[in-house]
Each structure stands twice: as C-alpha cells, then as structure tokens.
C-alpha cells in the first residue's frame, strides 16, 4: 500500500512539474514579501538568520513565476 501511494505521489508531482508548477523554496532564504507571508517573528537562533526564514509552516507554489499560494513562514529578527 505504501509503495502504491508513493507511486501516485511521484506521478502527480511529475505532472505538476510538467505544467510549470513548482514549490517556493523558503527555509534559510531572505524574507521576500512577494513570495512569503510572515505568520510570526521570533528571536533569531543564530546571527546569520536575522531577516531570514527560520521555519516554513505551509509550502507556497508558483506557476511560471506567478504566485499561486504564498509560503507561510516564521521570520528571525
């Protein structure tokens, strides 16, 4: 059953990729209001994470550089 679910997931993932839909990379990247929606801010665990995405709560997606859904993220301050 697990193998069947993995096959369906991979087939669906490949179909989305062929249609130009891709996930927005967020974790560890600079906070960008065009792609990310800040749900909350927390003190940055490390100095280099200030102003960057510390955690991704919900994945965002884009299609041919048009945002379908913004990534919901936690930002370090």
C-alpha atoms as a PDB file:
ATOM      1  CA  UNK A   1       0.000   0.000   0.000  1.00  0.00           C
ATOM      2  CA  UNK A   2       2.835   2.386   0.900  1.00  0.00           C
ATOM      3  CA  UNK A   3       4.557   1.755  -2.417  1.00  0.00           C
ATOM      4  CA  UNK A   4       1.303   2.445  -4.282  1.00  0.00           C
ATOM      5  CA  UNK A   5       0.851   5.783  -2.507  1.00  0.00           C
ATOM      6  CA  UNK A   6       4.459   6.741  -3.295  1.00  0.00           C
ATOM      7  CA  UNK A   7       3.921   5.908  -6.991  1.00  0.00           C
ATOM      8  CA  UNK A   8       0.763   8.048  -7.144  1.00  0.00           C
ATOM      9  CA  UNK A   9       2.529  10.908  -5.327  1.00  0.00           C
ATOM     10  CA  UNK A  10       5.513  10.792  -7.688  1.00  0.00           C
ATOM     11  CA  UNK A  11       3.288  10.663 -10.773  1.00  0.00           C
ATOM     12  CA  UNK A  12       1.245  13.645  -9.551  1.00  0.00           C
ATOM     13  CA  UNK A  13       4.423  15.558  -8.631  1.00  0.00           C
ATOM     14  CA  UNK A  14       5.884  14.965 -12.102  1.00  0.00           C
ATOM     15  CA  UNK A  15       2.617  16.087 -13.736  1.00  0.00           C
ATOM     16  CA  UNK A  16       2.680  19.372 -11.783  1.00  0.00           C
ATOM     17  CA  UNK A  17       6.309  19.905 -12.769  1.00  0.00           C
ATOM     18  CA  UNK A  18       5.440  19.386 -16.450  1.00  0.00           C
ATOM     19  CA  UNK A  19       2.703  22.014 -16.129  1.00  0.00           C
ATOM     20  CA  UNK A  20       5.229  24.522 -14.734  1.00  0.00           C
ATOM     21  CA  UNK A  21       4.044  24.416 -11.113  1.00  0.00           C
ATOM     22  CA  UNK A  22       6.844  24.356  -8.560  1.00  0.00           C
ATOM     23  CA  UNK A  23       7.286  24.798  -4.822  1.00  0.00           C
ATOM     24  CA  UNK A  24       8.748  28.041  -3.487  1.00  0.00           C
ATOM     25  CA  UNK A  25      11.979  27.456  -1.567  1.00  0.00           C
ATOM     26  CA  UNK A  26      11.733  29.346   1.702  1.00  0.00           C
ATOM     27  CA  UNK A  27      13.674  27.938   4.657  1.00  0.00           C
ATOM     28  CA  UNK A  28      17.009  29.707   5.160  1.00  0.00           C
ATOM     29  CA  UNK A  29      16.277  32.237   2.396  1.00  0.00           C
ATOM     30  CA  UNK A  30      15.974  36.006   2.769  1.00  0.00           C
ATOM     31  CA  UNK A  31      12.395  37.043   3.659  1.00  0.00           C
ATOM     32  CA  UNK A  32      10.668  38.229   0.472  1.00  0.00           C
ATOM     33  CA  UNK A  33       7.155  39.717   0.703  1.00  0.00           C
ATOM     34  CA  UNK A  34       6.478  38.767  -2.927  1.00  0.00           C
ATOM     35  CA  UNK A  35       6.800  35.050  -2.124  1.00  0.00           C
ATOM     36  CA  UNK A  36       6.407  34.751   1.663  1.00  0.00           C
ATOM     37  CA  UNK A  37       3.739  35.600   4.219  1.00  0.00           C
ATOM     38  CA  UNK A  38       5.150  36.130   7.716  1.00  0.00           C
ATOM     39  CA  UNK A  39       2.993  34.391  10.309  1.00  0.00           C
ATOM     40  CA  UNK A  40       5.193  35.424  13.235  1.00  0.00           C
ATOM     41  CA  UNK A  41       8.647  36.710  14.173  1.00  0.00           C
ATOM     42  CA  UNK A  42      10.933  35.078  16.697  1.00  0.00           C
ATOM     43  CA  UNK A  43      14.388  35.960  18.014  1.00  0.00           C
ATOM     44  CA  UNK A  44      16.884  34.540  15.534  1.00  0.00           C
ATOM     45  CA  UNK A  45      18.593  31.424  16.913  1.00  0.00           C
ATOM     46  CA  UNK A  46      21.809  32.474  15.147  1.00  0.00           C
ATOM     47  CA  UNK A  47      23.045  35.872  13.994  1.00  0.00           C
ATOM     48  CA  UNK A  48      23.081  34.876  10.303  1.00  0.00           C
ATOM     49  CA  UNK A  49      19.316  34.072  10.420  1.00  0.00           C
ATOM     50  CA  UNK A  50      18.236  37.654  11.146  1.00  0.00           C
ATOM     51  CA  UNK A  51      15.765  38.744   8.455  1.00  0.00           C
ATOM     52  CA  UNK A  52      15.645  35.240   7.029  1.00  0.00           C
ATOM     53  CA  UNK A  53      13.055  32.477   7.088  1.00  0.00           C
ATOM     54  CA  UNK A  54      13.636  30.278  10.150  1.00  0.00           C
ATOM     55  CA  UNK A  55      10.766  27.831   9.585  1.00  0.00           C
ATOM     56  CA  UNK A  56       8.251  27.128   6.851  1.00  0.00           C
ATOM     57  CA  UNK A  57       4.742  26.468   8.179  1.00  0.00           C
ATOM     58  CA  UNK A  58       2.993  25.921   4.834  1.00  0.00           C
ATOM     59  CA  UNK A  59       4.567  25.457   1.407  1.00  0.00           C
ATOM     60  CA  UNK A  60       3.929  28.023  -1.290  1.00  0.00           C
ATOM     61  CA  UNK A  61       3.669  27.361  -5.008  1.00  0.00           C
ATOM     62  CA  UNK A  62       4.191  29.304  -8.221  1.00  0.00           C
ATOM     63  CA  UNK A  63       3.388  28.679 -11.857  1.00  0.00           C
ATOM     64  CA  UNK A  64       5.619  30.285 -14.465  1.00  0.00           C
ATOM     65  CA  UNK A  65       6.726  32.999 -11.995  1.00  0.00           C
ATOM     66  CA  UNK A  66       3.138  33.753 -10.934  1.00  0.00           C
ATOM     67  CA  UNK A  67       2.391  33.080  -7.258  1.00  0.00           C
ATOM     68  CA  UNK A  68      -0.400  30.554  -6.692  1.00  0.00           C
ATOM     69  CA  UNK A  69      -0.023  30.467  -2.890  1.00  0.00           C
ATOM     70  CA  UNK A  70       2.435  32.358  -0.678  1.00  0.00           C
ATOM     71  CA  UNK A  71       4.637  30.381   1.701  1.00  0.00           C
ATOM     72  CA  UNK A  72       3.606  30.873   5.325  1.00  0.00           C
ATOM     73  CA  UNK A  73       6.802  31.336   7.312  1.00  0.00           C
ATOM     74  CA  UNK A  74       8.400  32.267  10.624  1.00  0.00           C
ATOM     75  CA  UNK A  75      10.993  35.044  10.349  1.00  0.00           C
ATOM     76  CA  UNK A  76      14.012  35.568  12.627  1.00  0.00           C
ATOM     77  CA  UNK A  77      14.581  39.064  13.980  1.00  0.00           C
END
